[in-house]
Amino acid sequence: MSEFKRIPPEQAQALREQGAVVVDIRDPQSFANGHISGSQHLDNHSLAAFIAAADFDQPLIVTCYHGNSSQNAAAYLAHQGFAEVYSLDGGFDLWRAQYPDQVSAGAAE
C-alpha cells in the first residue's frame, strides 16, 4: 500500500502541468460555485466508477475546502492502489487565493 503526501499549491500546479488528475471531494454546490480548472467532482456516488476507470499510475491530487478532509480521501485512494496520491494543503480556498486564473465554475459533468 502506498501512502499519500501533503503538497502546497505550487507543487500541485507543477503536477497538473505534467498531467496529474485533480479530484474535488467538496459538496456538489461548492464544486459548481468554483473548482480547480479541469478537476473532477468525486463523491460516494461517483467513487466506484472513478476507481474502475482510473489510471493507477497517473498522479492524483485530492482537494477539499481547506486541506483536512482531503487527507482521509487521499489515504483511502492510496489504499485502493493509486501509485502517487497527494492531498492539497490549504485546499481549494488557498488554491483560489494563489491561482484565481485557474478556477472554473459549473456543475460536475
PDB file of N, CA and C in Angstrom:
ATOM      1  N   MET A   1       0.850  -1.187   0.000  1.00  0.00           N
ATOM      2  CA  MET A   1       0.000   0.000   0.000  1.00  0.00           C
ATOM      3  C   MET A   1       0.887   1.239   0.000  1.00  0.00           C
ATOM      4  N   SER A   2       0.573   2.175  -0.870  1.00  0.00           N
ATOM      5  CA  SER A   2       1.324   3.424  -0.887  1.00  0.00           C
ATOM      6  C   SER A   2       0.684   4.417   0.067  1.00  0.00           C
ATOM      7  N   GLU A   3       1.436   5.424   0.405  1.00  0.00           N
ATOM      8  CA  GLU A   3       0.948   6.483   1.274  1.00  0.00           C
ATOM      9  C   GLU A   3       0.734   7.730   0.432  1.00  0.00           C
ATOM     10  N   PHE A   4      -0.064   8.642   0.941  1.00  0.00           N
ATOM     11  CA  PHE A   4      -0.235   9.913   0.246  1.00  0.00           C
ATOM     12  C   PHE A   4       0.721  10.942   0.833  1.00  0.00           C
ATOM     13  N   LYS A   5       0.931  12.016   0.092  1.00  0.00           N
ATOM     14  CA  LYS A   5       1.768  13.122   0.552  1.00  0.00           C
ATOM     15  C   LYS A   5       0.944  14.397   0.546  1.00  0.00           C
ATOM     16  N   ARG A   6       1.218  15.278   1.492  1.00  0.00           N
ATOM     17  CA  ARG A   6       0.593  16.592   1.510  1.00  0.00           C
ATOM     18  C   ARG A   6       1.486  17.538   0.717  1.00  0.00           C
ATOM     19  N   ILE A   7       0.869  18.317  -0.178  1.00  0.00           N
ATOM     20  CA  ILE A   7       1.654  19.222  -1.014  1.00  0.00           C
ATOM     21  C   ILE A   7       1.010  20.615  -1.050  1.00  0.00           C
ATOM     22  N   PRO A   8       1.851  21.653  -1.226  1.00  0.00           N
ATOM     23  CA  PRO A   8       1.334  23.015  -1.353  1.00  0.00           C
ATOM     24  C   PRO A   8       0.810  23.250  -2.772  1.00  0.00           C
ATOM     25  N   PRO A   9       0.041  24.317  -2.970  1.00  0.00           N
ATOM     26  CA  PRO A   9      -0.498  24.606  -4.303  1.00  0.00           C
ATOM     27  C   PRO A   9       0.558  24.693  -5.398  1.00  0.00           C
ATOM     28  N   GLU A  10       1.741  25.228  -5.090  1.00  0.00           N
ATOM     29  CA  GLU A  10       2.790  25.343  -6.109  1.00  0.00           C
ATOM     30  C   GLU A  10       3.187  23.980  -6.666  1.00  0.00           C
ATOM     31  N   GLN A  11       3.323  23.008  -5.787  1.00  0.00           N
ATOM     32  CA  GLN A  11       3.687  21.661  -6.233  1.00  0.00           C
ATOM     33  C   GLN A  11       2.524  21.016  -6.988  1.00  0.00           C
ATOM     34  N   ALA A  12       1.301  21.270  -6.512  1.00  0.00           N
ATOM     35  CA  ALA A  12       0.123  20.729  -7.197  1.00  0.00           C
ATOM     36  C   ALA A  12       0.024  21.294  -8.611  1.00  0.00           C
ATOM     37  N   GLN A  13       0.306  22.577  -8.764  1.00  0.00           N
ATOM     38  CA  GLN A  13       0.255  23.202 -10.084  1.00  0.00           C
ATOM     39  C   GLN A  13       1.291  22.566 -11.007  1.00  0.00           C
ATOM     40  N   ALA A  14       2.486  22.321 -10.508  1.00  0.00           N
ATOM     41  CA  ALA A  14       3.523  21.674 -11.315  1.00  0.00           C
ATOM     42  C   ALA A  14       3.086  20.271 -11.734  1.00  0.00           C
ATOM     43  N   LEU A  15       2.468  19.530 -10.829  1.00  0.00           N
ATOM     44  CA  LEU A  15       1.982  18.186 -11.151  1.00  0.00           C
ATOM     45  C   LEU A  15       0.852  18.238 -12.178  1.00  0.00           C
ATOM     46  N   ARG A  16      -0.035  19.224 -12.047  1.00  0.00           N
ATOM     47  CA  ARG A  16      -1.114  19.389 -13.027  1.00  0.00           C
ATOM     48  C   ARG A  16      -0.535  19.602 -14.411  1.00  0.00           C
ATOM     49  N   GLU A  17       0.502  20.412 -14.488  1.00  0.00           N
ATOM     50  CA  GLU A  17       1.133  20.696 -15.783  1.00  0.00           C
ATOM     51  C   GLU A  17       1.754  19.435 -16.391  1.00  0.00           C
ATOM     52  N   GLN A  18       2.052  18.453 -15.548  1.00  0.00           N
ATOM     53  CA  GLN A  18       2.628  17.186 -16.009  1.00  0.00           C
ATOM     54  C   GLN A  18       1.553  16.110 -16.197  1.00  0.00           C
ATOM     55  N   GLY A  19       0.269  16.485 -16.062  1.00  0.00           N
ATOM     56  CA  GLY A  19      -0.817  15.551 -16.344  1.00  0.00           C
ATOM     57  C   GLY A  19      -1.481  14.905 -15.148  1.00  0.00           C
ATOM     58  N   ALA A  20      -1.223  15.385 -13.939  1.00  0.00           N
ATOM     59  CA  ALA A  20      -1.884  14.809 -12.764  1.00  0.00           C
ATOM     60  C   ALA A  20      -3.388  15.039 -12.834  1.00  0.00           C
ATOM     61  N   VAL A  21      -4.143  14.110 -12.286  1.00  0.00           N
ATOM     62  CA  VAL A  21      -5.596  14.214 -12.188  1.00  0.00           C
ATOM     63  C   VAL A  21      -5.930  14.898 -10.868  1.00  0.00           C
ATOM     64  N   VAL A  22      -6.865  15.860 -10.901  1.00  0.00           N
ATOM     65  CA  VAL A  22      -7.304  16.539  -9.686  1.00  0.00           C
ATOM     66  C   VAL A  22      -8.747  16.130  -9.410  1.00  0.00           C
ATOM     67  N   VAL A  23      -8.992  15.642  -8.192  1.00  0.00           N
ATOM     68  CA  VAL A  23     -10.356  15.324  -7.776  1.00  0.00           C
ATOM     69  C   VAL A  23     -10.734  16.205  -6.597  1.00  0.00           C
ATOM     70  N   ASP A  24     -11.974  16.683  -6.620  1.00  0.00           N
ATOM     71  CA  ASP A  24     -12.501  17.603  -5.622  1.00  0.00           C
ATOM     72  C   ASP A  24     -13.607  16.879  -4.869  1.00  0.00           C
ATOM     73  N   ILE A  25     -13.456  16.762  -3.546  1.00  0.00           N
ATOM     74  CA  ILE A  25     -14.417  15.984  -2.758  1.00  0.00           C
ATOM     75  C   ILE A  25     -15.422  16.856  -2.013  1.00  0.00           C
ATOM     76  N   ARG A  26     -15.453  18.154  -2.320  1.00  0.00           N
ATOM     77  CA  ARG A  26     -16.429  19.021  -1.675  1.00  0.00           C
ATOM     78  C   ARG A  26     -17.834  18.698  -2.173  1.00  0.00           C
ATOM     79  N   ASP A  27     -18.838  19.292  -1.541  1.00  0.00           N
ATOM     80  CA  ASP A  27     -20.218  19.024  -1.948  1.00  0.00           C
ATOM     81  C   ASP A  27     -20.461  19.577  -3.364  1.00  0.00           C
ATOM     82  N   PRO A  28     -21.461  19.032  -4.073  1.00  0.00           N
ATOM     83  CA  PRO A  28     -21.701  19.424  -5.465  1.00  0.00           C
ATOM     84  C   PRO A  28     -21.938  20.927  -5.657  1.00  0.00           C
ATOM     85  N   GLN A  29     -22.631  21.578  -4.744  1.00  0.00           N
ATOM     86  CA  GLN A  29     -22.897  23.007  -4.887  1.00  0.00           C
ATOM     87  C   GLN A  29     -21.616  23.820  -4.787  1.00  0.00           C
ATOM     88  N   SER A  30     -20.748  23.466  -3.842  1.00  0.00           N
ATOM     89  CA  SER A  30     -19.465  24.170  -3.719  1.00  0.00           C
ATOM     90  C   SER A  30     -18.611  23.957  -4.957  1.00  0.00           C
ATOM     91  N   PHE A  31     -18.607  22.734  -5.477  1.00  0.00           N
ATOM     92  CA  PHE A  31     -17.857  22.443  -6.704  1.00  0.00           C
ATOM     93  C   PHE A  31     -18.391  23.298  -7.848  1.00  0.00           C
ATOM     94  N   ALA A  32     -19.718  23.385  -7.976  1.00  0.00           N
ATOM     95  CA  ALA A  32     -20.330  24.163  -9.052  1.00  0.00           C
ATOM     96  C   ALA A  32     -20.010  25.653  -8.930  1.00  0.00           C
ATOM     97  N   ASN A  33     -19.889  26.139  -7.711  1.00  0.00           N
ATOM     98  CA  ASN A  33     -19.592  27.556  -7.491  1.00  0.00           C
ATOM     99  C   ASN A  33     -18.153  27.907  -7.846  1.00  0.00           C
ATOM    100  N   GLY A  34     -17.263  26.932  -7.824  1.00  0.00           N
ATOM    101  CA  GLY A  34     -15.872  27.167  -8.184  1.00  0.00           C
ATOM    102  C   GLY A  34     -15.002  25.986  -7.833  1.00  0.00           C
ATOM    103  N   HIS A  35     -14.131  25.607  -8.754  1.00  0.00           N
ATOM    104  CA  HIS A  35     -13.225  24.475  -8.533  1.00  0.00           C
ATOM    105  C   HIS A  35     -11.973  24.673  -9.373  1.00  0.00           C
ATOM    106  N   ILE A  36     -10.950  23.904  -9.075  1.00  0.00           N
ATOM    107  CA  ILE A  36      -9.715  23.954  -9.844  1.00  0.00           C
ATOM    108  C   ILE A  36     -10.035  23.545 -11.279  1.00  0.00           C
ATOM    109  N   SER A  37      -9.623  24.367 -12.214  1.00  0.00           N
ATOM    110  CA  SER A  37      -9.908  24.082 -13.624  1.00  0.00           C
ATOM    111  C   SER A  37      -9.448  22.676 -13.992  1.00  0.00           C
ATOM    112  N   GLY A  38     -10.344  21.939 -14.639  1.00  0.00           N
ATOM    113  CA  GLY A  38     -10.021  20.589 -15.074  1.00  0.00           C
ATOM    114  C   GLY A  38     -10.213  19.508 -14.029  1.00  0.00           C
ATOM    115  N   SER A  39     -10.602  19.898 -12.810  1.00  0.00           N
ATOM    116  CA  SER A  39     -10.779  18.885 -11.767  1.00  0.00           C
ATOM    117  C   SER A  39     -12.101  18.139 -11.953  1.00  0.00           C
ATOM    118  N   GLN A  40     -12.166  16.967 -11.348  1.00  0.00           N
ATOM    119  CA  GLN A  40     -13.366  16.139 -11.387  1.00  0.00           C
ATOM    120  C   GLN A  40     -13.988  16.141 -10.007  1.00  0.00           C
ATOM    121  N   HIS A  41     -15.326  16.189  -9.973  1.00  0.00           N
ATOM    122  CA  HIS A  41     -16.002  16.083  -8.683  1.00  0.00           C
ATOM    123  C   HIS A  41     -16.072  14.611  -8.317  1.00  0.00           C
ATOM    124  N   LEU A  42     -15.739  14.300  -7.084  1.00  0.00           N
ATOM    125  CA  LEU A  42     -15.734  12.915  -6.621  1.00  0.00           C
ATOM    126  C   LEU A  42     -16.503  12.835  -5.320  1.00  0.00           C
ATOM    127  N   ASP A  43     -17.502  11.962  -5.284  1.00  0.00           N
ATOM    128  CA  ASP A  43     -18.259  11.739  -4.051  1.00  0.00           C
ATOM    129  C   ASP A  43     -18.576  10.252  -3.931  1.00  0.00           C
ATOM    130  N   ASN A  44     -19.337   9.897  -2.923  1.00  0.00           N
ATOM    131  CA  ASN A  44     -19.638   8.481  -2.691  1.00  0.00           C
ATOM    132  C   ASN A  44     -20.364   7.844  -3.874  1.00  0.00           C
ATOM    133  N   HIS A  45     -21.118   8.647  -4.641  1.00  0.00           N
ATOM    134  CA  HIS A  45     -21.868   8.106  -5.772  1.00  0.00           C
ATOM    135  C   HIS A  45     -20.977   7.853  -6.986  1.00  0.00           C
ATOM    136  N   SER A  46     -19.930   8.651  -7.158  1.00  0.00           N
ATOM    137  CA  SER A  46     -19.082   8.514  -8.347  1.00  0.00           C
ATOM    138  C   SER A  46     -17.774   7.782  -8.073  1.00  0.00           C
ATOM    139  N   LEU A  47     -17.522   7.447  -6.817  1.00  0.00           N
ATOM    140  CA  LEU A  47     -16.237   6.857  -6.431  1.00  0.00           C
ATOM    141  C   LEU A  47     -15.938   5.538  -7.137  1.00  0.00           C
ATOM    142  N   ALA A  48     -16.884   4.618  -7.138  1.00  0.00           N
ATOM    143  CA  ALA A  48     -16.641   3.302  -7.742  1.00  0.00           C
ATOM    144  C   ALA A  48     -16.340   3.426  -9.231  1.00  0.00           C
ATOM    145  N   ALA A  49     -17.093   4.251  -9.947  1.00  0.00           N
ATOM    146  CA  ALA A  49     -16.867   4.431 -11.380  1.00  0.00           C
ATOM    147  C   ALA A  49     -15.518   5.102 -11.625  1.00  0.00           C
ATOM    148  N   PHE A  50     -15.158   6.061 -10.769  1.00  0.00           N
ATOM    149  CA  PHE A  50     -13.870   6.733 -10.912  1.00  0.00           C
ATOM    150  C   PHE A  50     -12.731   5.733 -10.759  1.00  0.00           C
ATOM    151  N   ILE A  51     -12.798   4.898  -9.727  1.00  0.00           N
ATOM    152  CA  ILE A  51     -11.741   3.911  -9.483  1.00  0.00           C
ATOM    153  C   ILE A  51     -11.676   2.900 -10.629  1.00  0.00           C
ATOM    154  N   ALA A  52     -12.845   2.468 -11.111  1.00  0.00           N
ATOM    155  CA  ALA A  52     -12.881   1.475 -12.190  1.00  0.00           C
ATOM    156  C   ALA A  52     -12.240   2.001 -13.473  1.00  0.00           C
ATOM    157  N   ALA A  53     -12.367   3.302 -13.729  1.00  0.00           N
ATOM    158  CA  ALA A  53     -11.859   3.884 -14.968  1.00  0.00           C
ATOM    159  C   ALA A  53     -10.469   4.516 -14.820  1.00  0.00           C
ATOM    160  N   ALA A  54      -9.933   4.510 -13.625  1.00  0.00           N
ATOM    161  CA  ALA A  54      -8.707   5.264 -13.342  1.00  0.00           C
ATOM    162  C   ALA A  54      -7.447   4.598 -13.876  1.00  0.00           C
ATOM    163  N   ASP A  55      -6.476   5.454 -14.166  1.00  0.00           N
ATOM    164  CA  ASP A  55      -5.118   5.022 -14.469  1.00  0.00           C
ATOM    165  C   ASP A  55      -4.365   5.111 -13.137  1.00  0.00           C
ATOM    166  N   PHE A  56      -4.073   3.988 -12.530  1.00  0.00           N
ATOM    167  CA  PHE A  56      -3.486   3.954 -11.189  1.00  0.00           C
ATOM    168  C   PHE A  56      -2.048   4.479 -11.151  1.00  0.00           C
ATOM    169  N   ASP A  57      -1.426   4.627 -12.321  1.00  0.00           N
ATOM    170  CA  ASP A  57      -0.057   5.138 -12.380  1.00  0.00           C
ATOM    171  C   ASP A  57      -0.002   6.649 -12.550  1.00  0.00           C
ATOM    172  N   GLN A  58      -1.145   7.265 -12.860  1.00  0.00           N
ATOM    173  CA  GLN A  58      -1.186   8.719 -13.048  1.00  0.00           C
ATOM    174  C   GLN A  58      -1.283   9.403 -11.682  1.00  0.00           C
ATOM    175  N   PRO A  59      -0.477  10.441 -11.441  1.00  0.00           N
ATOM    176  CA  PRO A  59      -0.558  11.150 -10.157  1.00  0.00           C
ATOM    177  C   PRO A  59      -1.973  11.687  -9.911  1.00  0.00           C
ATOM    178  N   LEU A  60      -2.386  11.642  -8.660  1.00  0.00           N
ATOM    179  CA  LEU A  60      -3.742  12.029  -8.265  1.00  0.00           C
ATOM    180  C   LEU A  60      -3.660  13.045  -7.137  1.00  0.00           C
ATOM    181  N   ILE A  61      -4.300  14.196  -7.326  1.00  0.00           N
ATOM    182  CA  ILE A  61      -4.335  15.243  -6.311  1.00  0.00           C
ATOM    183  C   ILE A  61      -5.759  15.349  -5.789  1.00  0.00           C
ATOM    184  N   VAL A  62      -5.914  15.271  -4.479  1.00  0.00           N
ATOM    185  CA  VAL A  62      -7.231  15.348  -3.844  1.00  0.00           C
ATOM    186  C   VAL A  62      -7.349  16.691  -3.147  1.00  0.00           C
ATOM    187  N   THR A  63      -8.461  17.377  -3.400  1.00  0.00           N
ATOM    188  CA  THR A  63      -8.686  18.664  -2.749  1.00  0.00           C
ATOM    189  C   THR A  63     -10.064  18.719  -2.099  1.00  0.00           C
ATOM    190  N   CYS A  64     -10.153  19.543  -1.061  1.00  0.00           N
ATOM    191  CA  CYS A  64     -11.408  19.781  -0.355  1.00  0.00           C
ATOM    192  C   CYS A  64     -11.469  21.279  -0.074  1.00  0.00           C
ATOM    193  N   TYR A  65     -12.111  21.687   0.999  1.00  0.00           N
ATOM    194  CA  TYR A  65     -12.219  23.113   1.325  1.00  0.00           C
ATOM    195  C   TYR A  65     -10.886  23.697   1.797  1.00  0.00           C
ATOM    196  N   HIS A  66     -10.302  23.071   2.839  1.00  0.00           N
ATOM    197  CA  HIS A  66      -9.119  23.645   3.484  1.00  0.00           C
ATOM    198  C   HIS A  66      -7.936  22.681   3.578  1.00  0.00           C
ATOM    199  N   GLY A  67      -8.086  21.459   3.092  1.00  0.00           N
ATOM    200  CA  GLY A  67      -6.982  20.508   3.118  1.00  0.00           C
ATOM    201  C   GLY A  67      -7.051  19.493   4.239  1.00  0.00           C
ATOM    202  N   ASN A  68      -8.189  19.414   4.937  1.00  0.00           N
ATOM    203  CA  ASN A  68      -8.325  18.443   6.023  1.00  0.00           C
ATOM    204  C   ASN A  68      -9.008  17.160   5.561  1.00  0.00           C
ATOM    205  N   SER A  69     -10.220  17.271   5.031  1.00  0.00           N
ATOM    206  CA  SER A  69     -10.957  16.092   4.569  1.00  0.00           C
ATOM    207  C   SER A  69     -10.233  15.374   3.443  1.00  0.00           C
ATOM    208  N   SER A  70      -9.496  16.120   2.648  1.00  0.00           N
ATOM    209  CA  SER A  70      -8.797  15.504   1.522  1.00  0.00           C
ATOM    210  C   SER A  70      -7.741  14.511   1.987  1.00  0.00           C
ATOM    211  N   GLN A  71      -7.249  14.676   3.194  1.00  0.00           N
ATOM    212  CA  GLN A  71      -6.244  13.728   3.692  1.00  0.00           C
ATOM    213  C   GLN A  71      -6.843  12.338   3.878  1.00  0.00           C
ATOM    214  N   ASN A  72      -8.057  12.266   4.418  1.00  0.00           N
ATOM    215  CA  ASN A  72      -8.715  10.963   4.577  1.00  0.00           C
ATOM    216  C   ASN A  72      -9.010  10.336   3.220  1.00  0.00           C
ATOM    217  N   ALA A  73      -9.493  11.154   2.292  1.00  0.00           N
ATOM    218  CA  ALA A  73      -9.796  10.646   0.951  1.00  0.00           C
ATOM    219  C   ALA A  73      -8.527  10.194   0.245  1.00  0.00           C
ATOM    220  N   ALA A  74      -7.445  10.965   0.401  1.00  0.00           N
ATOM    221  CA  ALA A  74      -6.175  10.597  -0.224  1.00  0.00           C
ATOM    222  C   ALA A  74      -5.658   9.277   0.338  1.00  0.00           C
ATOM    223  N   ALA A  75      -5.770   9.103   1.643  1.00  0.00           N
ATOM    224  CA  ALA A  75      -5.334   7.848   2.263  1.00  0.00           C
ATOM    225  C   ALA A  75      -6.156   6.676   1.718  1.00  0.00           C
ATOM    226  N   TYR A  76      -7.456   6.874   1.565  1.00  0.00           N
ATOM    227  CA  TYR A  76      -8.322   5.827   1.024  1.00  0.00           C
ATOM    228  C   TYR A  76      -7.914   5.476  -0.409  1.00  0.00           C
ATOM    229  N   LEU A  77      -7.710   6.497  -1.230  1.00  0.00           N
ATOM    230  CA  LEU A  77      -7.356   6.252  -2.632  1.00  0.00           C
ATOM    231  C   LEU A  77      -5.979   5.604  -2.752  1.00  0.00           C
ATOM    232  N   ALA A  78      -5.041   5.986  -1.903  1.00  0.00           N
ATOM    233  CA  ALA A  78      -3.729   5.329  -1.899  1.00  0.00           C
ATOM    234  C   ALA A  78      -3.901   3.852  -1.560  1.00  0.00           C
ATOM    235  N   HIS A  79      -4.773   3.568  -0.611  1.00  0.00           N
ATOM    236  CA  HIS A  79      -5.043   2.182  -0.210  1.00  0.00           C
ATOM    237  C   HIS A  79      -5.705   1.388  -1.348  1.00  0.00           C
ATOM    238  N   GLN A  80      -6.396   2.079  -2.244  1.00  0.00           N
ATOM    239  CA  GLN A  80      -7.051   1.403  -3.376  1.00  0.00           C
ATOM    240  C   GLN A  80      -6.065   1.024  -4.472  1.00  0.00           C
ATOM    241  N   GLY A  81      -4.833   1.508  -4.362  1.00  0.00           N
ATOM    242  CA  GLY A  81      -3.814   1.101  -5.320  1.00  0.00           C
ATOM    243  C   GLY A  81      -3.243   2.194  -6.195  1.00  0.00           C
ATOM    244  N   PHE A  82      -3.670   3.446  -6.001  1.00  0.00           N
ATOM    245  CA  PHE A  82      -3.077   4.534  -6.771  1.00  0.00           C
ATOM    246  C   PHE A  82      -1.615   4.687  -6.348  1.00  0.00           C
ATOM    247  N   ALA A  83      -0.738   4.827  -7.330  1.00  0.00           N
ATOM    248  CA  ALA A  83       0.701   4.857  -7.050  1.00  0.00           C
ATOM    249  C   ALA A  83       1.150   6.169  -6.419  1.00  0.00           C
ATOM    250  N   GLU A  84       0.602   7.291  -6.886  1.00  0.00           N
ATOM    251  CA  GLU A  84       1.004   8.617  -6.409  1.00  0.00           C
ATOM    252  C   GLU A  84      -0.238   9.394  -6.026  1.00  0.00           C
ATOM    253  N   VAL A  85      -0.454   9.605  -4.727  1.00  0.00           N
ATOM    254  CA  VAL A  85      -1.626  10.339  -4.267  1.00  0.00           C
ATOM    255  C   VAL A  85      -1.170  11.499  -3.395  1.00  0.00           C
ATOM    256  N   TYR A  86      -1.778  12.660  -3.645  1.00  0.00           N
ATOM    257  CA  TYR A  86      -1.424  13.877  -2.916  1.00  0.00           C
ATOM    258  C   TYR A  86      -2.678  14.532  -2.357  1.00  0.00           C
ATOM    259  N   SER A  87      -2.529  15.143  -1.196  1.00  0.00           N
ATOM    260  CA  SER A  87      -3.587  15.956  -0.600  1.00  0.00           C
ATOM    261  C   SER A  87      -3.135  17.408  -0.695  1.00  0.00           C
ATOM    262  N   LEU A  88      -3.999  18.275  -1.220  1.00  0.00           N
ATOM    263  CA  LEU A  88      -3.657  19.678  -1.412  1.00  0.00           C
ATOM    264  C   LEU A  88      -3.760  20.439  -0.090  1.00  0.00           C
ATOM    265  N   ASP A  89      -2.614  20.841   0.447  1.00  0.00           N
ATOM    266  CA  ASP A  89      -2.600  21.651   1.665  1.00  0.00           C
ATOM    267  C   ASP A  89      -3.303  22.979   1.402  1.00  0.00           C
ATOM    268  N   GLY A  90      -4.152  23.388   2.322  1.00  0.00           N
ATOM    269  CA  GLY A  90      -4.882  24.635   2.171  1.00  0.00           C
ATOM    270  C   GLY A  90      -6.138  24.494   1.340  1.00  0.00           C
ATOM    271  N   GLY A  91      -6.279  23.364   0.664  1.00  0.00           N
ATOM    272  CA  GLY A  91      -7.482  23.073  -0.105  1.00  0.00           C
ATOM    273  C   GLY A  91      -7.796  24.090  -1.188  1.00  0.00           C
ATOM    274  N   PHE A  92      -9.054  24.069  -1.606  1.00  0.00           N
ATOM    275  CA  PHE A  92      -9.486  24.963  -2.673  1.00  0.00           C
ATOM    276  C   PHE A  92      -9.366  26.430  -2.267  1.00  0.00           C
ATOM    277  N   ASP A  93      -9.602  26.744  -1.000  1.00  0.00           N
ATOM    278  CA  ASP A  93      -9.513  28.140  -0.566  1.00  0.00           C
ATOM    279  C   ASP A  93      -8.138  28.733  -0.844  1.00  0.00           C
ATOM    280  N   LEU A  94      -7.075  28.005  -0.487  1.00  0.00           N
ATOM    281  CA  LEU A  94      -5.729  28.507  -0.737  1.00  0.00           C
ATOM    282  C   LEU A  94      -5.418  28.515  -2.227  1.00  0.00           C
ATOM    283  N   TRP A  95      -5.874  27.483  -2.934  1.00  0.00           N
ATOM    284  CA  TRP A  95      -5.662  27.430  -4.384  1.00  0.00           C
ATOM    285  C   TRP A  95      -6.272  28.666  -5.054  1.00  0.00           C
ATOM    286  N   ARG A  96      -7.528  28.965  -4.703  1.00  0.00           N
ATOM    287  CA  ARG A  96      -8.230  30.105  -5.304  1.00  0.00           C
ATOM    288  C   ARG A  96      -7.487  31.415  -5.023  1.00  0.00           C
ATOM    289  N   ALA A  97      -6.913  31.543  -3.834  1.00  0.00           N
ATOM    290  CA  ALA A  97      -6.172  32.750  -3.476  1.00  0.00           C
ATOM    291  C   ALA A  97      -4.876  32.871  -4.293  1.00  0.00           C
ATOM    292  N   GLN A  98      -4.220  31.741  -4.558  1.00  0.00           N
ATOM    293  CA  GLN A  98      -2.938  31.764  -5.260  1.00  0.00           C
ATOM    294  C   GLN A  98      -3.063  31.689  -6.781  1.00  0.00           C
ATOM    295  N   TYR A  99      -4.090  31.002  -7.264  1.00  0.00           N
ATOM    296  CA  TYR A  99      -4.263  30.793  -8.704  1.00  0.00           C
ATOM    297  C   TYR A  99      -5.693  31.132  -9.142  1.00  0.00           C
ATOM    298  N   PRO A 100      -6.116  32.395  -8.972  1.00  0.00           N
ATOM    299  CA  PRO A 100      -7.504  32.743  -9.333  1.00  0.00           C
ATOM    300  C   PRO A 100      -7.809  32.515 -10.816  1.00  0.00           C
ATOM    301  N   ASP A 101      -6.786  32.536 -11.668  1.00  0.00           N
ATOM    302  CA  ASP A 101      -7.000  32.305 -13.087  1.00  0.00           C
ATOM    303  C   ASP A 101      -7.123  30.811 -13.430  1.00  0.00           C
ATOM    304  N   GLN A 102      -6.930  29.967 -12.427  1.00  0.00           N
ATOM    305  CA  GLN A 102      -7.029  28.511 -12.627  1.00  0.00           C
ATOM    306  C   GLN A 102      -8.258  27.949 -11.905  1.00  0.00           C
ATOM    307  N   VAL A 103      -9.321  28.757 -11.853  1.00  0.00           N
ATOM    308  CA  VAL A 103     -10.571  28.363 -11.204  1.00  0.00           C
ATOM    309  C   VAL A 103     -11.692  28.423 -12.227  1.00  0.00           C
ATOM    310  N   SER A 104     -12.530  27.405 -12.236  1.00  0.00           N
ATOM    311  CA  SER A 104     -13.684  27.344 -13.136  1.00  0.00           C
ATOM    312  C   SER A 104     -14.943  27.190 -12.309  1.00  0.00           C
ATOM    313  N   ALA A 105     -16.075  27.520 -12.902  1.00  0.00           N
ATOM    314  CA  ALA A 105     -17.364  27.309 -12.257  1.00  0.00           C
ATOM    315  C   ALA A 105     -18.212  26.416 -13.148  1.00  0.00           C
ATOM    316  N   GLY A 106     -19.229  25.810 -12.556  1.00  0.00           N
ATOM    317  CA  GLY A 106     -20.108  24.933 -13.294  1.00  0.00           C
ATOM    318  C   GLY A 106     -20.222  23.595 -12.619  1.00  0.00           C
ATOM    319  N   ALA A 107     -21.339  22.932 -12.843  1.00  0.00           N
ATOM    320  CA  ALA A 107     -21.594  21.646 -12.201  1.00  0.00           C
ATOM    321  C   ALA A 107     -20.694  20.567 -12.755  1.00  0.00           C
ATOM    322  N   ALA A 108     -20.555  19.506 -11.982  1.00  0.00           N
ATOM    323  CA  ALA A 108     -19.768  18.346 -12.422  1.00  0.00           C
ATOM    324  C   ALA A 108     -20.438  17.719 -13.628  1.00  0.00           C
ATOM    325  N   GLU A 109     -19.627  17.192 -14.514  1.00  0.00           N
ATOM    326  CA  GLU A 109     -20.154  16.540 -15.714  1.00  0.00           C
ATOM    327  C   GLU A 109     -20.622  15.144 -15.408  1.00  0.00           C
TER     328      GLU A 109
END
